[in-house]
PDB file of N, CA and C in Angstrom:
ATOM      1  N   MET A   1       0.836  -1.189  -0.005  1.00  0.00           N
ATOM      2  CA  MET A   1      -0.020   0.004   0.004  1.00  0.00           C
ATOM      3  C   MET A   1       0.873   1.259  -0.007  1.00  0.00           C
ATOM      4  N   LYS A   2       0.644   2.165  -0.925  1.00  0.00           N
ATOM      5  CA  LYS A   2       1.421   3.378  -1.015  1.00  0.00           C
ATOM      6  C   LYS A   2       1.004   4.339   0.075  1.00  0.00           C
ATOM      7  N   ASN A   3       1.985   5.146   0.515  1.00  0.00           N
ATOM      8  CA  ASN A   3       1.736   6.198   1.463  1.00  0.00           C
ATOM      9  C   ASN A   3       1.205   7.417   0.666  1.00  0.00           C
ATOM     10  N   GLN A   4       0.060   7.850   0.945  1.00  0.00           N
ATOM     11  CA  GLN A   4      -0.475   9.047   0.229  1.00  0.00           C
ATOM     12  C   GLN A   4      -0.404  10.233   1.155  1.00  0.00           C
ATOM     13  N   PRO A   5      -0.133  11.379   0.627  1.00  0.00           N
ATOM     14  CA  PRO A   5      -0.063  12.590   1.481  1.00  0.00           C
ATOM     15  C   PRO A   5      -1.493  12.988   1.945  1.00  0.00           C
ATOM     16  N   ALA A   6      -1.527  13.572   3.067  1.00  0.00           N
ATOM     17  CA  ALA A   6      -2.803  14.056   3.604  1.00  0.00           C
ATOM     18  C   ALA A   6      -3.279  15.231   2.799  1.00  0.00           C
ATOM     19  N   LEU A   7      -4.385  15.093   2.192  1.00  0.00           N
ATOM     20  CA  LEU A   7      -4.962  16.176   1.332  1.00  0.00           C
ATOM     21  C   LEU A   7      -5.897  17.078   2.129  1.00  0.00           C
ATOM     22  N   TRP A   8      -6.146  16.812   3.342  1.00  0.00           N
ATOM     23  CA  TRP A   8      -7.127  17.649   4.086  1.00  0.00           C
ATOM     24  C   TRP A   8      -6.565  19.077   4.310  1.00  0.00           C
ATOM     25  N   TYR A   9      -5.257  19.245   4.229  1.00  0.00           N
ATOM     26  CA  TYR A   9      -4.744  20.625   4.403  1.00  0.00           C
ATOM     27  C   TYR A   9      -4.426  21.244   3.036  1.00  0.00           C
ATOM     28  N   SER A  10      -3.852  20.521   2.113  1.00  0.00           N
ATOM     29  CA  SER A  10      -3.504  21.115   0.804  1.00  0.00           C
ATOM     30  C   SER A  10      -4.659  21.239  -0.127  1.00  0.00           C
ATOM     31  N   GLN A  11      -5.608  20.347  -0.001  1.00  0.00           N
ATOM     32  CA  GLN A  11      -6.851  20.355  -0.870  1.00  0.00           C
ATOM     33  C   GLN A  11      -8.040  20.108  -0.004  1.00  0.00           C
ATOM     34  N   PRO A  12      -8.379  21.019   0.860  1.00  0.00           N
ATOM     35  CA  PRO A  12      -9.454  20.801   1.838  1.00  0.00           C
ATOM     36  C   PRO A  12     -10.843  20.887   1.154  1.00  0.00           C
ATOM     37  N   SER A  13     -11.797  20.165   1.704  1.00  0.00           N
ATOM     38  CA  SER A  13     -13.172  20.346   1.243  1.00  0.00           C
ATOM     39  C   SER A  13     -13.884  21.333   2.135  1.00  0.00           C
ATOM     40  N   LEU A  14     -15.061  21.698   1.751  1.00  0.00           N
ATOM     41  CA  LEU A  14     -15.851  22.675   2.548  1.00  0.00           C
ATOM     42  C   LEU A  14     -16.106  22.177   3.928  1.00  0.00           C
ATOM     43  N   LYS A  15     -16.381  20.898   4.050  1.00  0.00           N
ATOM     44  CA  LYS A  15     -16.658  20.264   5.390  1.00  0.00           C
ATOM     45  C   LYS A  15     -15.438  20.405   6.301  1.00  0.00           C
ATOM     46  N   VAL A  16     -14.219  20.155   5.772  1.00  0.00           N
ATOM     47  CA  VAL A  16     -13.007  20.302   6.595  1.00  0.00           C
ATOM     48  C   VAL A  16     -12.821  21.755   7.010  1.00  0.00           C
ATOM     49  N   VAL A  17     -13.031  22.684   6.096  1.00  0.00           N
ATOM     50  CA  VAL A  17     -12.845  24.112   6.422  1.00  0.00           C
ATOM     51  C   VAL A  17     -13.833  24.482   7.477  1.00  0.00           C
ATOM     52  N   LEU A  18     -15.110  24.115   7.360  1.00  0.00           N
ATOM     53  CA  LEU A  18     -16.077  24.490   8.413  1.00  0.00           C
ATOM     54  C   LEU A  18     -15.764  23.917   9.758  1.00  0.00           C
ATOM     55  N   ILE A  19     -15.334  22.651   9.786  1.00  0.00           N
ATOM     56  CA  ILE A  19     -14.925  22.037  11.040  1.00  0.00           C
ATOM     57  C   ILE A  19     -13.759  22.763  11.673  1.00  0.00           C
ATOM     58  N   PHE A  20     -12.745  23.104  10.916  1.00  0.00           N
ATOM     59  CA  PHE A  20     -11.584  23.788  11.501  1.00  0.00           C
ATOM     60  C   PHE A  20     -11.880  25.192  11.878  1.00  0.00           C
ATOM     61  N   VAL A  21     -12.729  25.930  11.126  1.00  0.00           N
ATOM     62  CA  VAL A  21     -13.098  27.229  11.541  1.00  0.00           C
ATOM     63  C   VAL A  21     -13.868  27.266  12.827  1.00  0.00           C
ATOM     64  N   SER A  22     -14.783  26.297  13.002  1.00  0.00           N
ATOM     65  CA  SER A  22     -15.545  26.224  14.225  1.00  0.00           C
ATOM     66  C   SER A  22     -14.643  25.853  15.378  1.00  0.00           C
ATOM     67  N   ILE A  23     -13.710  24.925  15.202  1.00  0.00           N
ATOM     68  CA  ILE A  23     -12.775  24.608  16.277  1.00  0.00           C
ATOM     69  C   ILE A  23     -11.895  25.804  16.581  1.00  0.00           C
ATOM     70  N   TRP A  24     -11.497  26.584  15.593  1.00  0.00           N
ATOM     71  CA  TRP A  24     -10.675  27.773  15.799  1.00  0.00           C
ATOM     72  C   TRP A  24     -11.464  28.813  16.611  1.00  0.00           C
ATOM     73  N   LEU A  25     -12.716  29.021  16.246  1.00  0.00           N
ATOM     74  CA  LEU A  25     -13.520  29.972  17.029  1.00  0.00           C
ATOM     75  C   LEU A  25     -13.721  29.607  18.446  1.00  0.00           C
ATOM     76  N   ILE A  26     -14.107  28.314  18.685  1.00  0.00           N
ATOM     77  CA  ILE A  26     -14.343  27.846  20.017  1.00  0.00           C
ATOM     78  C   ILE A  26     -13.037  27.844  20.824  1.00  0.00           C
ATOM     79  N   GLY A  27     -11.978  27.344  20.276  1.00  0.00           N
ATOM     80  CA  GLY A  27     -10.668  27.301  20.938  1.00  0.00           C
ATOM     81  C   GLY A  27     -10.127  28.617  21.351  1.00  0.00           C
ATOM     82  N   ASN A  28     -10.104  29.564  20.398  1.00  0.00           N
ATOM     83  CA  ASN A  28      -9.589  30.908  20.723  1.00  0.00           C
ATOM     84  C   ASN A  28     -10.553  31.637  21.664  1.00  0.00           C
ATOM     85  N   GLY A  29     -11.811  31.455  21.554  1.00  0.00           N
ATOM     86  CA  GLY A  29     -12.771  32.035  22.486  1.00  0.00           C
ATOM     87  C   GLY A  29     -12.551  31.556  23.909  1.00  0.00           C
ATOM     88  N   LEU A  30     -12.379  30.219  24.050  1.00  0.00           N
ATOM     89  CA  LEU A  30     -12.137  29.662  25.380  1.00  0.00           C
ATOM     90  C   LEU A  30     -10.806  30.091  25.940  1.00  0.00           C
ATOM     91  N   LEU A  31      -9.834  30.217  25.082  1.00  0.00           N
ATOM     92  CA  LEU A  31      -8.480  30.657  25.517  1.00  0.00           C
ATOM     93  C   LEU A  31      -8.553  32.107  26.009  1.00  0.00           C
ATOM     94  N   ILE A  32      -9.265  32.969  25.338  1.00  0.00           N
ATOM     95  CA  ILE A  32      -9.461  34.331  25.816  1.00  0.00           C
ATOM     96  C   ILE A  32     -10.185  34.411  27.109  1.00  0.00           C
ATOM     97  N   VAL A  33     -11.237  33.592  27.225  1.00  0.00           N
ATOM     98  CA  VAL A  33     -12.013  33.581  28.482  1.00  0.00           C
ATOM     99  C   VAL A  33     -11.109  33.062  29.653  1.00  0.00           C
ATOM    100  N   ALA A  34     -10.290  32.100  29.381  1.00  0.00           N
ATOM    101  CA  ALA A  34      -9.443  31.439  30.422  1.00  0.00           C
ATOM    102  C   ALA A  34      -8.373  32.409  30.932  1.00  0.00           C
ATOM    103  N   ILE A  35      -7.813  33.233  30.064  1.00  0.00           N
ATOM    104  CA  ILE A  35      -6.709  34.051  30.457  1.00  0.00           C
ATOM    105  C   ILE A  35      -7.057  35.465  30.944  1.00  0.00           C
ATOM    106  N   THR A  36      -8.289  35.893  30.736  1.00  0.00           N
ATOM    107  CA  THR A  36      -8.705  37.230  31.117  1.00  0.00           C
ATOM    108  C   THR A  36     -10.088  37.135  31.830  1.00  0.00           C
ATOM    109  N   ASP A  37     -10.324  38.235  32.551  1.00  0.00           N
ATOM    110  CA  ASP A  37     -11.678  38.458  33.018  1.00  0.00           C
ATOM    111  C   ASP A  37     -12.292  39.420  31.947  1.00  0.00           C
ATOM    112  N   ILE A  38     -13.081  38.860  31.085  1.00  0.00           N
ATOM    113  CA  ILE A  38     -13.444  39.565  29.889  1.00  0.00           C
ATOM    114  C   ILE A  38     -14.085  40.939  30.143  1.00  0.00           C
ATOM    115  N   PHE A  39     -14.893  41.030  31.232  1.00  0.00           N
ATOM    116  CA  PHE A  39     -15.608  42.337  31.398  1.00  0.00           C
ATOM    117  C   PHE A  39     -14.817  43.372  32.167  1.00  0.00           C
ATOM    118  N   ARG A  40     -13.734  42.962  32.829  1.00  0.00           N
ATOM    119  CA  ARG A  40     -13.025  43.904  33.672  1.00  0.00           C
ATOM    120  C   ARG A  40     -11.537  44.176  33.223  1.00  0.00           C
ATOM    121  N   GLN A  41     -10.992  43.255  32.414  1.00  0.00           N
ATOM    122  CA  GLN A  41      -9.564  43.355  32.098  1.00  0.00           C
ATOM    123  C   GLN A  41      -9.386  43.357  30.649  1.00  0.00           C
ATOM    124  N   PRO A  42      -8.577  44.356  30.092  1.00  0.00           N
ATOM    125  CA  PRO A  42      -8.310  44.258  28.649  1.00  0.00           C
ATOM    126  C   PRO A  42      -7.426  43.083  28.279  1.00  0.00           C
ATOM    127  N   PHE A  43      -7.570  42.590  27.043  1.00  0.00           N
ATOM    128  CA  PHE A  43      -6.917  41.369  26.621  1.00  0.00           C
ATOM    129  C   PHE A  43      -5.431  41.537  26.460  1.00  0.00           C
ATOM    130  N   LEU A  44      -4.952  42.578  25.773  1.00  0.00           N
ATOM    131  CA  LEU A  44      -3.552  42.659  25.396  1.00  0.00           C
ATOM    132  C   LEU A  44      -2.632  43.304  26.453  1.00  0.00           C
ATOM    133  N   VAL A  45      -3.218  43.893  27.483  1.00  0.00           N
ATOM    134  CA  VAL A  45      -2.460  44.560  28.536  1.00  0.00           C
ATOM    135  C   VAL A  45      -1.984  43.622  29.579  1.00  0.00           C
ATOM    136  N   THR A  46      -2.563  42.443  29.637  1.00  0.00           N
ATOM    137  CA  THR A  46      -2.327  41.488  30.768  1.00  0.00           C
ATOM    138  C   THR A  46      -0.992  40.828  30.761  1.00  0.00           C
ATOM    139  N   GLY A  47      -0.248  40.849  29.661  1.00  0.00           N
ATOM    140  CA  GLY A  47       1.049  40.229  29.608  1.00  0.00           C
ATOM    141  C   GLY A  47       1.040  38.745  29.267  1.00  0.00           C
ATOM    142  N   HIS A  48      -0.004  38.226  28.692  1.00  0.00           N
ATOM    143  CA  HIS A  48      -0.086  36.796  28.338  1.00  0.00           C
ATOM    144  C   HIS A  48       0.413  36.628  26.877  1.00  0.00           C
ATOM    145  N   TYR A  49       1.718  36.840  26.696  1.00  0.00           N
ATOM    146  CA  TYR A  49       2.273  36.823  25.377  1.00  0.00           C
ATOM    147  C   TYR A  49       2.275  35.500  24.722  1.00  0.00           C
ATOM    148  N   ILE A  50       2.469  34.417  25.432  1.00  0.00           N
ATOM    149  CA  ILE A  50       2.420  33.076  24.834  1.00  0.00           C
ATOM    150  C   ILE A  50       1.012  32.755  24.409  1.00  0.00           C
ATOM    151  N   SER A  51       0.010  33.116  25.118  1.00  0.00           N
ATOM    152  CA  SER A  51      -1.371  32.888  24.687  1.00  0.00           C
ATOM    153  C   SER A  51      -1.723  33.694  23.441  1.00  0.00           C
ATOM    154  N   VAL A  52      -1.225  34.939  23.411  1.00  0.00           N
ATOM    155  CA  VAL A  52      -1.486  35.741  22.231  1.00  0.00           C
ATOM    156  C   VAL A  52      -0.779  35.191  21.044  1.00  0.00           C
ATOM    157  N   LEU A  53       0.442  34.667  21.200  1.00  0.00           N
ATOM    158  CA  LEU A  53       1.155  34.032  20.153  1.00  0.00           C
ATOM    159  C   LEU A  53       0.452  32.753  19.628  1.00  0.00           C
ATOM    160  N   MET A  54      -0.156  31.974  20.571  1.00  0.00           N
ATOM    161  CA  MET A  54      -0.976  30.807  20.150  1.00  0.00           C
ATOM    162  C   MET A  54      -2.173  31.242  19.318  1.00  0.00           C
ATOM    163  N   ILE A  55      -2.822  32.291  19.750  1.00  0.00           N
ATOM    164  CA  ILE A  55      -3.983  32.799  18.980  1.00  0.00           C
ATOM    165  C   ILE A  55      -3.604  33.295  17.578  1.00  0.00           C
ATOM    166  N   VAL A  56      -2.476  33.982  17.508  1.00  0.00           N
ATOM    167  CA  VAL A  56      -1.982  34.534  16.217  1.00  0.00           C
ATOM    168  C   VAL A  56      -1.606  33.392  15.285  1.00  0.00           C
ATOM    169  N   MET A  57      -0.869  32.397  15.840  1.00  0.00           N
ATOM    170  CA  MET A  57      -0.449  31.247  14.988  1.00  0.00           C
ATOM    171  C   MET A  57      -1.655  30.414  14.541  1.00  0.00           C
ATOM    172  N   SER A  58      -2.615  30.163  15.402  1.00  0.00           N
ATOM    173  CA  SER A  58      -3.782  29.404  14.971  1.00  0.00           C
ATOM    174  C   SER A  58      -4.594  30.231  13.955  1.00  0.00           C
ATOM    175  N   THR A  59      -4.662  31.523  14.070  1.00  0.00           N
ATOM    176  CA  THR A  59      -5.341  32.362  13.088  1.00  0.00           C
ATOM    177  C   THR A  59      -4.600  32.272  11.741  1.00  0.00           C
ATOM    178  N   PHE A  60      -3.303  32.296  11.745  1.00  0.00           N
ATOM    179  CA  PHE A  60      -2.483  32.220  10.553  1.00  0.00           C
ATOM    180  C   PHE A  60      -2.760  30.879   9.853  1.00  0.00           C
ATOM    181  N   GLN A  61      -2.713  29.815  10.604  1.00  0.00           N
ATOM    182  CA  GLN A  61      -2.898  28.483   9.965  1.00  0.00           C
ATOM    183  C   GLN A  61      -4.287  28.297   9.464  1.00  0.00           C
ATOM    184  N   THR A  62      -5.308  28.813  10.190  1.00  0.00           N
ATOM    185  CA  THR A  62      -6.709  28.692   9.702  1.00  0.00           C
ATOM    186  C   THR A  62      -6.877  29.520   8.455  1.00  0.00           C
ATOM    187  N   GLY A  63      -6.213  30.691   8.396  1.00  0.00           N
ATOM    188  CA  GLY A  63      -6.236  31.493   7.187  1.00  0.00           C
ATOM    189  C   GLY A  63      -5.618  30.745   5.983  1.00  0.00           C
ATOM    190  N   LYS A  64      -4.491  30.104   6.193  1.00  0.00           N
ATOM    191  CA  LYS A  64      -3.902  29.291   5.132  1.00  0.00           C
ATOM    192  C   LYS A  64      -4.777  28.186   4.655  1.00  0.00           C
ATOM    193  N   LEU A  65      -5.490  27.530   5.598  1.00  0.00           N
ATOM    194  CA  LEU A  65      -6.440  26.463   5.195  1.00  0.00           C
ATOM    195  C   LEU A  65      -7.563  27.035   4.348  1.00  0.00           C
ATOM    196  N   ILE A  66      -8.104  28.158   4.763  1.00  0.00           N
ATOM    197  CA  ILE A  66      -9.156  28.779   3.918  1.00  0.00           C
ATOM    198  C   ILE A  66      -8.642  29.220   2.603  1.00  0.00           C
ATOM    199  N   ARG A  67      -7.403  29.769   2.547  1.00  0.00           N
ATOM    200  CA  ARG A  67      -6.817  30.132   1.258  1.00  0.00           C
ATOM    201  C   ARG A  67      -6.609  28.930   0.365  1.00  0.00           C
ATOM    202  N   ASN A  68      -6.181  27.818   0.941  1.00  0.00           N
ATOM    203  CA  ASN A  68      -6.039  26.610   0.161  1.00  0.00           C
ATOM    204  C   ASN A  68      -7.318  26.086  -0.377  1.00  0.00           C
ATOM    205  N   TYR A  69      -8.373  26.221   0.382  1.00  0.00           N
ATOM    206  CA  TYR A  69      -9.702  25.809  -0.126  1.00  0.00           C
ATOM    207  C   TYR A  69     -10.110  26.646  -1.318  1.00  0.00           C
ATOM    208  N   PHE A  70      -9.970  28.000  -1.209  1.00  0.00           N
ATOM    209  CA  PHE A  70     -10.414  28.829  -2.330  1.00  0.00           C
ATOM    210  C   PHE A  70      -9.499  28.645  -3.544  1.00  0.00           C
ATOM    211  N   CYS A  71      -8.196  28.503  -3.323  1.00  0.00           N
ATOM    212  CA  CYS A  71      -7.265  28.266  -4.493  1.00  0.00           C
ATOM    213  C   CYS A  71      -7.581  26.947  -5.152  1.00  0.00           C
ATOM    214  N   ASP A  72      -7.858  25.939  -4.386  1.00  0.00           N
ATOM    215  CA  ASP A  72      -8.155  24.628  -4.950  1.00  0.00           C
ATOM    216  C   ASP A  72      -9.500  24.614  -5.703  1.00  0.00           C
ATOM    217  N   ARG A  73     -10.410  25.386  -5.120  1.00  0.00           N
ATOM    218  CA  ARG A  73     -11.767  25.444  -5.722  1.00  0.00           C
ATOM    219  C   ARG A  73     -11.724  26.183  -7.053  1.00  0.00           C
ATOM    220  N   THR A  74     -10.880  27.239  -7.171  1.00  0.00           N
ATOM    221  CA  THR A  74     -10.808  27.958  -8.449  1.00  0.00           C
ATOM    222  C   THR A  74     -10.031  27.170  -9.446  1.00  0.00           C
ATOM    223  N   THR A  75      -8.975  26.432  -9.091  1.00  0.00           N
ATOM    224  CA  THR A  75      -8.252  25.643 -10.074  1.00  0.00           C
ATOM    225  C   THR A  75      -9.050  24.412 -10.533  1.00  0.00           C
ATOM    226  N   ARG A  76      -9.859  23.897  -9.627  1.00  0.00           N
ATOM    227  CA  ARG A  76     -10.681  22.774  -9.978  1.00  0.00           C
ATOM    228  C   ARG A  76     -11.750  23.205 -11.043  1.00  0.00           C
ATOM    229  N   ASN A  77     -12.197  24.432 -10.943  1.00  0.00           N
ATOM    230  CA  ASN A  77     -13.199  24.928 -11.939  1.00  0.00           C
ATOM    231  C   ASN A  77     -12.586  25.210 -13.284  1.00  0.00           C
ATOM    232  N   GLN A  78     -11.280  25.421 -13.353  1.00  0.00           N
ATOM    233  CA  GLN A  78     -10.631  25.756 -14.570  1.00  0.00           C
ATOM    234  C   GLN A  78     -10.090  24.537 -15.378  1.00  0.00           C
ATOM    235  N   LEU A  79     -10.228  23.389 -14.829  1.00  0.00           N
ATOM    236  CA  LEU A  79      -9.726  22.163 -15.525  1.00  0.00           C
ATOM    237  C   LEU A  79     -10.488  21.888 -16.793  1.00  0.00           C
ATOM    238  N   PRO A  80      -9.830  21.491 -17.850  1.00  0.00           N
ATOM    239  CA  PRO A  80     -10.629  21.283 -19.156  1.00  0.00           C
ATOM    240  C   PRO A  80     -11.443  20.039 -18.995  1.00  0.00           C
ATOM    241  N   VAL A  81     -12.594  20.089 -19.577  1.00  0.00           N
ATOM    242  CA  VAL A  81     -13.524  18.978 -19.565  1.00  0.00           C
ATOM    243  C   VAL A  81     -13.281  18.161 -20.873  1.00  0.00           C
ATOM    244  N   THR A  82     -13.036  16.898 -20.654  1.00  0.00           N
ATOM    245  CA  THR A  82     -12.812  16.053 -21.821  1.00  0.00           C
ATOM    246  C   THR A  82     -14.094  15.244 -22.123  1.00  0.00           C
ATOM    247  N   SER A  83     -14.453  15.141 -23.355  1.00  0.00           N
ATOM    248  CA  SER A  83     -15.617  14.403 -23.759  1.00  0.00           C
ATOM    249  C   SER A  83     -15.197  13.126 -24.468  1.00  0.00           C
ATOM    250  N   ASN A  84     -15.947  12.132 -24.266  1.00  0.00           N
ATOM    251  CA  ASN A  84     -15.716  10.814 -24.924  1.00  0.00           C
ATOM    252  C   ASN A  84     -16.624  10.682 -26.108  1.00  0.00           C
ATOM    253  N   LEU A  85     -16.169  11.290 -27.245  1.00  0.00           N
ATOM    254  CA  LEU A  85     -17.011  11.207 -28.455  1.00  0.00           C
ATOM    255  C   LEU A  85     -16.561  10.087 -29.365  1.00  0.00           C
TER     256      LEU A  85
END
């Protein structure tokens, strides 16, 4: 059996994108709630630089996943259609 690369990141489907965006929203929301008192303390002033770095990196990776989805979707629509005449 050949080892095939994981296509869920380089050629994601809409289902994969929606799952990862929802995980990203829930995860970052819970992280912000855990490190701050949302109603009394500002987020960036508290000095939680590692947590902010985690949020920025997860946002960057989620953005790349969404970009891969749109790039793959546009190139898939441009493929020539062959007919069997």
